[in-house]
ModelCIF file with pLDDT and N, C-alpha, C, O atoms, coordinates in Angstrom:
data_MODEL
#
_entry.id   MODEL 
#
_entity.id                         1 
_entity.type                       polymer 
_entity.pdbx_number_of_molecules   1 
#
_entity_poly.entity_id                      1 
_entity_poly.type                           'polypeptide(L)' 
_entity_poly.nstd_linkage                   no 
_entity_poly.nstd_monomer                   no 
_entity_poly.pdbx_seq_one_letter_code       YTSKKALPDYNKDVILQGLVSEVRVYRDSFAIPHILAT 
_entity_poly.pdbx_seq_one_letter_code_can   YTSKKALPDYNKDVILQGLVSEVRVYRDSFAIPHILAT 
_entity_poly.pdbx_strand_id                 A 
#
loop_
_entity_poly_seq.entity_id 
_entity_poly_seq.num 
_entity_poly_seq.mon_id 
_entity_poly_seq.hetero 
1 1  TYR n 
1 2  THR n 
1 3  SER n 
1 4  LYS n 
1 5  LYS n 
1 6  ALA n 
1 7  LEU n 
1 8  PRO n 
1 9  ASP n 
1 10 TYR n 
1 11 ASN n 
1 12 LYS n 
1 13 ASP n 
1 14 VAL n 
1 15 ILE n 
1 16 LEU n 
1 17 GLN n 
1 18 GLY n 
1 19 LEU n 
1 20 VAL n 
1 21 SER n 
1 22 GLU n 
1 23 VAL n 
1 24 ARG n 
1 25 VAL n 
1 26 TYR n 
1 27 ARG n 
1 28 ASP n 
1 29 SER n 
1 30 PHE n 
1 31 ALA n 
1 32 ILE n 
1 33 PRO n 
1 34 HIS n 
1 35 ILE n 
1 36 LEU n 
1 37 ALA n 
1 38 THR n 
#
_struct_asym.id          A 
_struct_asym.entity_id   1 
#
loop_
_ma_qa_metric.id 
_ma_qa_metric.mode 
_ma_qa_metric.name 
_ma_qa_metric.software_group_id 
_ma_qa_metric.type 
1 global pLDDT . pLDDT 
2 local  pLDDT . pLDDT 
#
_ma_qa_metric_global.metric_id      1 
_ma_qa_metric_global.metric_value   86.79 
_ma_qa_metric_global.model_id       1 
_ma_qa_metric_global.ordinal_id     1 
#
loop_
_ma_qa_metric_local.label_asym_id 
_ma_qa_metric_local.label_comp_id 
_ma_qa_metric_local.label_seq_id 
_ma_qa_metric_local.metric_id 
_ma_qa_metric_local.metric_value 
_ma_qa_metric_local.model_id 
_ma_qa_metric_local.ordinal_id 
A TYR 1  2 56.00 1 1  
A THR 2  2 58.00 1 2  
A SER 3  2 57.00 1 3  
A LYS 4  2 62.00 1 4  
A LYS 5  2 61.00 1 5  
A ALA 6  2 65.00 1 6  
A LEU 7  2 77.00 1 7  
A PRO 8  2 80.00 1 8  
A ASP 9  2 81.00 1 9  
A TYR 10 2 85.00 1 10 
A ASN 11 2 86.00 1 11 
A LYS 12 2 86.00 1 12 
A ASP 13 2 89.00 1 13 
A VAL 14 2 89.00 1 14 
A ILE 15 2 90.00 1 15 
A LEU 16 2 92.00 1 16 
A GLN 17 2 94.00 1 17 
A GLY 18 2 94.00 1 18 
A LEU 19 2 94.00 1 19 
A VAL 20 2 94.00 1 20 
A SER 21 2 94.00 1 21 
A GLU 22 2 94.00 1 22 
A VAL 23 2 95.00 1 23 
A ARG 24 2 96.00 1 24 
A VAL 25 2 95.00 1 25 
A TYR 26 2 95.00 1 26 
A ARG 27 2 94.00 1 27 
A ASP 28 2 93.00 1 28 
A SER 29 2 92.00 1 29 
A PHE 30 2 93.00 1 30 
A ALA 31 2 92.00 1 31 
A ILE 32 2 95.00 1 32 
A PRO 33 2 96.00 1 33 
A HIS 34 2 97.00 1 34 
A ILE 35 2 97.00 1 35 
A LEU 36 2 97.00 1 36 
A ALA 37 2 97.00 1 37 
A THR 38 2 96.00 1 38 
#
loop_
_atom_site.group_PDB 
_atom_site.id 
_atom_site.type_symbol 
_atom_site.label_atom_id 
_atom_site.label_alt_id 
_atom_site.label_comp_id 
_atom_site.label_asym_id 
_atom_site.label_entity_id 
_atom_site.label_seq_id 
_atom_site.pdbx_PDB_ins_code 
_atom_site.Cartn_x 
_atom_site.Cartn_y 
_atom_site.Cartn_z 
_atom_site.occupancy 
_atom_site.B_iso_or_equiv 
_atom_site.pdbx_formal_charge 
_atom_site.auth_seq_id 
_atom_site.auth_comp_id 
_atom_site.auth_asym_id 
_atom_site.auth_atom_id 
_atom_site.pdbx_PDB_model_num 
ATOM 1   N N  . TYR A 1 1  ? 14.987 -14.330 21.541 1.00 56.00 ? 1  TYR A N  1 
ATOM 2   C CA . TYR A 1 1  ? 15.588 -13.757 22.750 1.00 56.00 ? 1  TYR A CA 1 
ATOM 3   C C  . TYR A 1 1  ? 16.841 -14.530 23.139 1.00 56.00 ? 1  TYR A C  1 
ATOM 4   O O  . TYR A 1 1  ? 17.874 -13.936 23.447 1.00 56.00 ? 1  TYR A O  1 
ATOM 5   N N  . THR A 1 2  ? 16.745 -15.863 23.123 1.00 58.00 ? 2  THR A N  1 
ATOM 6   C CA . THR A 1 2  ? 17.868 -16.705 23.538 1.00 58.00 ? 2  THR A CA 1 
ATOM 7   C C  . THR A 1 2  ? 19.070 -16.524 22.621 1.00 58.00 ? 2  THR A C  1 
ATOM 8   O O  . THR A 1 2  ? 20.211 -16.484 23.082 1.00 58.00 ? 2  THR A O  1 
ATOM 9   N N  . SER A 1 3  ? 18.810 -16.414 21.326 1.00 57.00 ? 3  SER A N  1 
ATOM 10  C CA . SER A 1 3  ? 19.903 -16.327 20.361 1.00 57.00 ? 3  SER A CA 1 
ATOM 11  C C  . SER A 1 3  ? 20.594 -14.969 20.380 1.00 57.00 ? 3  SER A C  1 
ATOM 12  O O  . SER A 1 3  ? 21.751 -14.857 19.976 1.00 57.00 ? 3  SER A O  1 
ATOM 13  N N  . LYS A 1 4  ? 19.898 -13.942 20.845 1.00 62.00 ? 4  LYS A N  1 
ATOM 14  C CA . LYS A 1 4  ? 20.465 -12.593 20.776 1.00 62.00 ? 4  LYS A CA 1 
ATOM 15  C C  . LYS A 1 4  ? 20.797 -11.964 22.131 1.00 62.00 ? 4  LYS A C  1 
ATOM 16  O O  . LYS A 1 4  ? 21.387 -10.885 22.189 1.00 62.00 ? 4  LYS A O  1 
ATOM 17  N N  . LYS A 1 5  ? 20.417 -12.640 23.218 1.00 61.00 ? 5  LYS A N  1 
ATOM 18  C CA . LYS A 1 5  ? 20.585 -11.986 24.519 1.00 61.00 ? 5  LYS A CA 1 
ATOM 19  C C  . LYS A 1 5  ? 22.056 -11.779 24.894 1.00 61.00 ? 5  LYS A C  1 
ATOM 20  O O  . LYS A 1 5  ? 22.371 -10.905 25.702 1.00 61.00 ? 5  LYS A O  1 
ATOM 21  N N  . ALA A 1 6  ? 22.951 -12.575 24.316 1.00 65.00 ? 6  ALA A N  1 
ATOM 22  C CA . ALA A 1 6  ? 24.368 -12.449 24.665 1.00 65.00 ? 6  ALA A CA 1 
ATOM 23  C C  . ALA A 1 6  ? 25.161 -11.621 23.662 1.00 65.00 ? 6  ALA A C  1 
ATOM 24  O O  . ALA A 1 6  ? 26.372 -11.464 23.819 1.00 65.00 ? 6  ALA A O  1 
ATOM 25  N N  . LEU A 1 7  ? 24.504 -11.090 22.633 1.00 77.00 ? 7  LEU A N  1 
ATOM 26  C CA . LEU A 1 7  ? 25.228 -10.282 21.655 1.00 77.00 ? 7  LEU A CA 1 
ATOM 27  C C  . LEU A 1 7  ? 25.818 -9.045  22.338 1.00 77.00 ? 7  LEU A C  1 
ATOM 28  O O  . LEU A 1 7  ? 25.085 -8.289  22.976 1.00 77.00 ? 7  LEU A O  1 
ATOM 29  N N  . PRO A 1 8  ? 27.127 -8.828  22.215 1.00 80.00 ? 8  PRO A N  1 
ATOM 30  C CA . PRO A 1 8  ? 27.748 -7.705  22.917 1.00 80.00 ? 8  PRO A CA 1 
ATOM 31  C C  . PRO A 1 8  ? 27.466 -6.364  22.246 1.00 80.00 ? 8  PRO A C  1 
ATOM 32  O O  . PRO A 1 8  ? 27.270 -6.283  21.033 1.00 80.00 ? 8  PRO A O  1 
ATOM 33  N N  . ASP A 1 9  ? 27.450 -5.336  23.053 1.00 81.00 ? 9  ASP A N  1 
ATOM 34  C CA . ASP A 1 9  ? 27.356 -3.967  22.551 1.00 81.00 ? 9  ASP A CA 1 
ATOM 35  C C  . ASP A 1 9  ? 28.773 -3.405  22.511 1.00 81.00 ? 9  ASP A C  1 
ATOM 36  O O  . ASP A 1 9  ? 29.329 -3.034  23.545 1.00 81.00 ? 9  ASP A O  1 
ATOM 37  N N  . TYR A 1 10 ? 29.355 -3.344  21.313 1.00 85.00 ? 10 TYR A N  1 
ATOM 38  C CA . TYR A 1 10 ? 30.747 -2.934  21.177 1.00 85.00 ? 10 TYR A CA 1 
ATOM 39  C C  . TYR A 1 10 ? 30.956 -1.446  21.457 1.00 85.00 ? 10 TYR A C  1 
ATOM 40  O O  . TYR A 1 10 ? 32.094 -1.000  21.603 1.00 85.00 ? 10 TYR A O  1 
ATOM 41  N N  . ASN A 1 11 ? 29.885 -0.687  21.533 1.00 86.00 ? 11 ASN A N  1 
ATOM 42  C CA . ASN A 1 11 ? 30.008 0.753   21.788 1.00 86.00 ? 11 ASN A CA 1 
ATOM 43  C C  . ASN A 1 11 ? 29.853 1.105   23.266 1.00 86.00 ? 11 ASN A C  1 
ATOM 44  O O  . ASN A 1 11 ? 29.934 2.273   23.646 1.00 86.00 ? 11 ASN A O  1 
ATOM 45  N N  . LYS A 1 12 ? 29.634 0.101   24.082 1.00 86.00 ? 12 LYS A N  1 
ATOM 46  C CA . LYS A 1 12 ? 29.367 0.332   25.500 1.00 86.00 ? 12 LYS A CA 1 
ATOM 47  C C  . LYS A 1 12 ? 30.664 0.460   26.297 1.00 86.00 ? 12 LYS A C  1 
ATOM 48  O O  . LYS A 1 12 ? 31.605 -0.304  26.083 1.00 86.00 ? 12 LYS A O  1 
ATOM 49  N N  . ASP A 1 13 ? 30.711 1.409   27.201 1.00 89.00 ? 13 ASP A N  1 
ATOM 50  C CA . ASP A 1 13 ? 31.840 1.521   28.131 1.00 89.00 ? 13 ASP A CA 1 
ATOM 51  C C  . ASP A 1 13 ? 31.676 0.487   29.235 1.00 89.00 ? 13 ASP A C  1 
ATOM 52  O O  . ASP A 1 13 ? 30.580 0.311   29.768 1.00 89.00 ? 13 ASP A O  1 
ATOM 53  N N  . VAL A 1 14 ? 32.752 -0.191  29.576 1.00 89.00 ? 14 VAL A N  1 
ATOM 54  C CA . VAL A 1 14 ? 32.725 -1.254  30.586 1.00 89.00 ? 14 VAL A CA 1 
ATOM 55  C C  . VAL A 1 14 ? 33.696 -0.900  31.710 1.00 89.00 ? 14 VAL A C  1 
ATOM 56  O O  . VAL A 1 14 ? 34.813 -0.449  31.457 1.00 89.00 ? 14 VAL A O  1 
ATOM 57  N N  . ILE A 1 15 ? 33.266 -1.106  32.939 1.00 90.00 ? 15 ILE A N  1 
ATOM 58  C CA . ILE A 1 15 ? 34.135 -0.878  34.097 1.00 90.00 ? 15 ILE A CA 1 
ATOM 59  C C  . ILE A 1 15 ? 34.688 -2.226  34.547 1.00 90.00 ? 15 ILE A C  1 
ATOM 60  O O  . ILE A 1 15 ? 33.953 -3.069  35.062 1.00 90.00 ? 15 ILE A O  1 
ATOM 61  N N  . LEU A 1 16 ? 35.994 -2.421  34.346 1.00 92.00 ? 16 LEU A N  1 
ATOM 62  C CA . LEU A 1 16 ? 36.645 -3.656  34.767 1.00 92.00 ? 16 LEU A CA 1 
ATOM 63  C C  . LEU A 1 16 ? 37.391 -3.401  36.075 1.00 92.00 ? 16 LEU A C  1 
ATOM 64  O O  . LEU A 1 16 ? 38.162 -2.448  36.189 1.00 92.00 ? 16 LEU A O  1 
ATOM 65  N N  . GLN A 1 17 ? 37.152 -4.259  37.048 1.00 94.00 ? 17 GLN A N  1 
ATOM 66  C CA . GLN A 1 17 ? 37.869 -4.159  38.305 1.00 94.00 ? 17 GLN A CA 1 
ATOM 67  C C  . GLN A 1 17 ? 39.321 -4.610  38.109 1.00 94.00 ? 17 GLN A C  1 
ATOM 68  O O  . GLN A 1 17 ? 39.593 -5.545  37.356 1.00 94.00 ? 17 GLN A O  1 
ATOM 69  N N  . GLY A 1 18 ? 40.232 -3.944  38.787 1.00 94.00 ? 18 GLY A N  1 
ATOM 70  C CA . GLY A 1 18 ? 41.633 -4.361  38.759 1.00 94.00 ? 18 GLY A CA 1 
ATOM 71  C C  . GLY A 1 18 ? 42.493 -3.641  37.743 1.00 94.00 ? 18 GLY A C  1 
ATOM 72  O O  . GLY A 1 18 ? 43.708 -3.838  37.723 1.00 94.00 ? 18 GLY A O  1 
ATOM 73  N N  . LEU A 1 19 ? 41.897 -2.809  36.896 1.00 94.00 ? 19 LEU A N  1 
ATOM 74  C CA . LEU A 1 19 ? 42.692 -2.064  35.925 1.00 94.00 ? 19 LEU A CA 1 
ATOM 75  C C  . LEU A 1 19 ? 43.514 -0.986  36.620 1.00 94.00 ? 19 LEU A C  1 
ATOM 76  O O  . LEU A 1 19 ? 43.046 -0.320  37.543 1.00 94.00 ? 19 LEU A O  1 
ATOM 77  N N  . VAL A 1 20 ? 44.743 -0.834  36.155 1.00 94.00 ? 20 VAL A N  1 
ATOM 78  C CA . VAL A 1 20 ? 45.602 0.224   36.690 1.00 94.00 ? 20 VAL A CA 1 
ATOM 79  C C  . VAL A 1 20 ? 45.236 1.562   36.064 1.00 94.00 ? 20 VAL A C  1 
ATOM 80  O O  . VAL A 1 20 ? 45.231 2.593   36.735 1.00 94.00 ? 20 VAL A O  1 
ATOM 81  N N  . SER A 1 21 ? 44.930 1.533   34.771 1.00 94.00 ? 21 SER A N  1 
ATOM 82  C CA . SER A 1 21 ? 44.542 2.753   34.077 1.00 94.00 ? 21 SER A CA 1 
ATOM 83  C C  . SER A 1 21 ? 43.554 2.394   32.960 1.00 94.00 ? 21 SER A C  1 
ATOM 84  O O  . SER A 1 21 ? 43.229 1.226   32.745 1.00 94.00 ? 21 SER A O  1 
ATOM 85  N N  . GLU A 1 22 ? 43.098 3.407   32.274 1.00 94.00 ? 22 GLU A N  1 
ATOM 86  C CA . GLU A 1 22 ? 42.086 3.205   31.234 1.00 94.00 ? 22 GLU A CA 1 
ATOM 87  C C  . GLU A 1 22 ? 42.638 2.365   30.073 1.00 94.00 ? 22 GLU A C  1 
ATOM 88  O O  . GLU A 1 22 ? 43.794 2.512   29.677 1.00 94.00 ? 22 GLU A O  1 
ATOM 89  N N  . VAL A 1 23 ? 41.796 1.495   29.547 1.00 95.00 ? 23 VAL A N  1 
ATOM 90  C CA . VAL A 1 23 ? 42.123 0.694   28.371 1.00 95.00 ? 23 VAL A CA 1 
ATOM 91  C C  . VAL A 1 23 ? 41.140 1.073   27.268 1.00 95.00 ? 23 VAL A C  1 
ATOM 92  O O  . VAL A 1 23 ? 39.928 1.099   27.483 1.00 95.00 ? 23 VAL A O  1 
ATOM 93  N N  . ARG A 1 24 ? 41.663 1.360   26.110 1.00 96.00 ? 24 ARG A N  1 
ATOM 94  C CA . ARG A 1 24 ? 40.807 1.693   24.970 1.00 96.00 ? 24 ARG A CA 1 
ATOM 95  C C  . ARG A 1 24 ? 40.761 0.498   24.012 1.00 96.00 ? 24 ARG A C  1 
ATOM 96  O O  . ARG A 1 24 ? 41.781 -0.128  23.724 1.00 96.00 ? 24 ARG A O  1 
ATOM 97  N N  . VAL A 1 25 ? 39.566 0.204   23.534 1.00 95.00 ? 25 VAL A N  1 
ATOM 98  C CA . VAL A 1 25 ? 39.359 -0.905  22.598 1.00 95.00 ? 25 VAL A CA 1 
ATOM 99  C C  . VAL A 1 25 ? 38.635 -0.387  21.366 1.00 95.00 ? 25 VAL A C  1 
ATOM 100 O O  . VAL A 1 25 ? 37.573 0.227   21.462 1.00 95.00 ? 25 VAL A O  1 
ATOM 101 N N  . TYR A 1 26 ? 39.226 -0.644  20.214 1.00 95.00 ? 26 TYR A N  1 
ATOM 102 C CA . TYR A 1 26 ? 38.611 -0.257  18.944 1.00 95.00 ? 26 TYR A CA 1 
ATOM 103 C C  . TYR A 1 26 ? 38.294 -1.519  18.150 1.00 95.00 ? 26 TYR A C  1 
ATOM 104 O O  . TYR A 1 26 ? 39.122 -2.426  18.072 1.00 95.00 ? 26 TYR A O  1 
ATOM 105 N N  . ARG A 1 27 ? 37.126 -1.582  17.574 1.00 94.00 ? 27 ARG A N  1 
ATOM 106 C CA . ARG A 1 27 ? 36.751 -2.699  16.711 1.00 94.00 ? 27 ARG A CA 1 
ATOM 107 C C  . ARG A 1 27 ? 36.757 -2.204  15.266 1.00 94.00 ? 27 ARG A C  1 
ATOM 108 O O  . ARG A 1 27 ? 36.166 -1.172  14.946 1.00 94.00 ? 27 ARG A O  1 
ATOM 109 N N  . ASP A 1 28 ? 37.436 -2.960  14.398 1.00 93.00 ? 28 ASP A N  1 
ATOM 110 C CA . ASP A 1 28 ? 37.446 -2.561  12.999 1.00 93.00 ? 28 ASP A CA 1 
ATOM 111 C C  . ASP A 1 28 ? 36.206 -3.100  12.283 1.00 93.00 ? 28 ASP A C  1 
ATOM 112 O O  . ASP A 1 28 ? 35.294 -3.612  12.932 1.00 93.00 ? 28 ASP A O  1 
ATOM 113 N N  . SER A 1 29 ? 36.163 -2.992  10.957 1.00 92.00 ? 29 SER A N  1 
ATOM 114 C CA . SER A 1 29 ? 34.988 -3.390  10.200 1.00 92.00 ? 29 SER A CA 1 
ATOM 115 C C  . SER A 1 29 ? 34.720 -4.895  10.259 1.00 92.00 ? 29 SER A C  1 
ATOM 116 O O  . SER A 1 29 ? 33.625 -5.343  9.921  1.00 92.00 ? 29 SER A O  1 
ATOM 117 N N  . PHE A 1 30 ? 35.720 -5.679  10.688 1.00 93.00 ? 30 PHE A N  1 
ATOM 118 C CA . PHE A 1 30 ? 35.547 -7.116  10.851 1.00 93.00 ? 30 PHE A CA 1 
ATOM 119 C C  . PHE A 1 30 ? 35.317 -7.500  12.313 1.00 93.00 ? 30 PHE A C  1 
ATOM 120 O O  . PHE A 1 30 ? 35.326 -8.680  12.664 1.00 93.00 ? 30 PHE A O  1 
ATOM 121 N N  . ALA A 1 31 ? 35.111 -6.487  13.160 1.00 92.00 ? 31 ALA A N  1 
ATOM 122 C CA . ALA A 1 31 ? 34.897 -6.676  14.601 1.00 92.00 ? 31 ALA A CA 1 
ATOM 123 C C  . ALA A 1 31 ? 36.142 -7.209  15.311 1.00 92.00 ? 31 ALA A C  1 
ATOM 124 O O  . ALA A 1 31 ? 36.039 -7.716  16.428 1.00 92.00 ? 31 ALA A O  1 
ATOM 125 N N  . ILE A 1 32 ? 37.306 -7.103  14.687 1.00 95.00 ? 32 ILE A N  1 
ATOM 126 C CA . ILE A 1 32 ? 38.552 -7.518  15.326 1.00 95.00 ? 32 ILE A CA 1 
ATOM 127 C C  . ILE A 1 32 ? 38.932 -6.474  16.371 1.00 95.00 ? 32 ILE A C  1 
ATOM 128 O O  . ILE A 1 32 ? 39.013 -5.291  16.043 1.00 95.00 ? 32 ILE A O  1 
ATOM 129 N N  . PRO A 1 33 ? 39.167 -6.877  17.618 1.00 96.00 ? 33 PRO A N  1 
ATOM 130 C CA . PRO A 1 33 ? 39.485 -5.895  18.658 1.00 96.00 ? 33 PRO A CA 1 
ATOM 131 C C  . PRO A 1 33 ? 40.937 -5.424  18.602 1.00 96.00 ? 33 PRO A C  1 
ATOM 132 O O  . PRO A 1 33 ? 41.857 -6.216  18.403 1.00 96.00 ? 33 PRO A O  1 
ATOM 133 N N  . HIS A 1 34 ? 41.115 -4.134  18.780 1.00 97.00 ? 34 HIS A N  1 
ATOM 134 C CA . HIS A 1 34 ? 42.434 -3.513  18.867 1.00 97.00 ? 34 HIS A CA 1 
ATOM 135 C C  . HIS A 1 34 ? 42.522 -2.890  20.266 1.00 97.00 ? 34 HIS A C  1 
ATOM 136 O O  . HIS A 1 34 ? 41.793 -1.949  20.579 1.00 97.00 ? 34 HIS A O  1 
ATOM 137 N N  . ILE A 1 35 ? 43.410 -3.418  21.093 1.00 97.00 ? 35 ILE A N  1 
ATOM 138 C CA . ILE A 1 35 ? 43.490 -3.036  22.503 1.00 97.00 ? 35 ILE A CA 1 
ATOM 139 C C  . ILE A 1 35 ? 44.693 -2.115  22.724 1.00 97.00 ? 35 ILE A C  1 
ATOM 140 O O  . ILE A 1 35 ? 45.820 -2.453  22.363 1.00 97.00 ? 35 ILE A O  1 
ATOM 141 N N  . LEU A 1 36 ? 44.442 -0.971  23.310 1.00 97.00 ? 36 LEU A N  1 
ATOM 142 C CA . LEU A 1 36 ? 45.508 -0.033  23.641 1.00 97.00 ? 36 LEU A CA 1 
ATOM 143 C C  . LEU A 1 36 ? 45.515 0.158   25.153 1.00 97.00 ? 36 LEU A C  1 
ATOM 144 O O  . LEU A 1 36 ? 44.578 0.726   25.713 1.00 97.00 ? 36 LEU A O  1 
ATOM 145 N N  . ALA A 1 37 ? 46.581 -0.319  25.822 1.00 97.00 ? 37 ALA A N  1 
ATOM 146 C CA . ALA A 1 37 ? 46.681 -0.239  27.274 1.00 97.00 ? 37 ALA A CA 1 
ATOM 147 C C  . ALA A 1 37 ? 48.044 0.339   27.659 1.00 97.00 ? 37 ALA A C  1 
ATOM 148 O O  . ALA A 1 37 ? 48.941 0.453   26.825 1.00 97.00 ? 37 ALA A O  1 
ATOM 149 N N  . THR A 1 38 ? 48.181 0.700   28.933 1.00 96.00 ? 38 THR A N  1 
ATOM 150 C CA . THR A 1 38 ? 49.438 1.276   29.412 1.00 96.00 ? 38 THR A CA 1 
ATOM 151 C C  . THR A 1 38 ? 50.348 0.224   30.035 1.00 96.00 ? 38 THR A C  1 
ATOM 152 O O  . THR A 1 38 ? 51.446 0.547   30.487 1.00 96.00 ? 38 THR A O  1 
#
């Protein structure tokens, strides 16, 4: 439980406070994040 409780769910939508508009994040096969913002 301890080792896995912080593993992120990369498919989950997250609501971040302070965003001006929607930000899209894509993870490739190496889990490298690709951020597309306005």
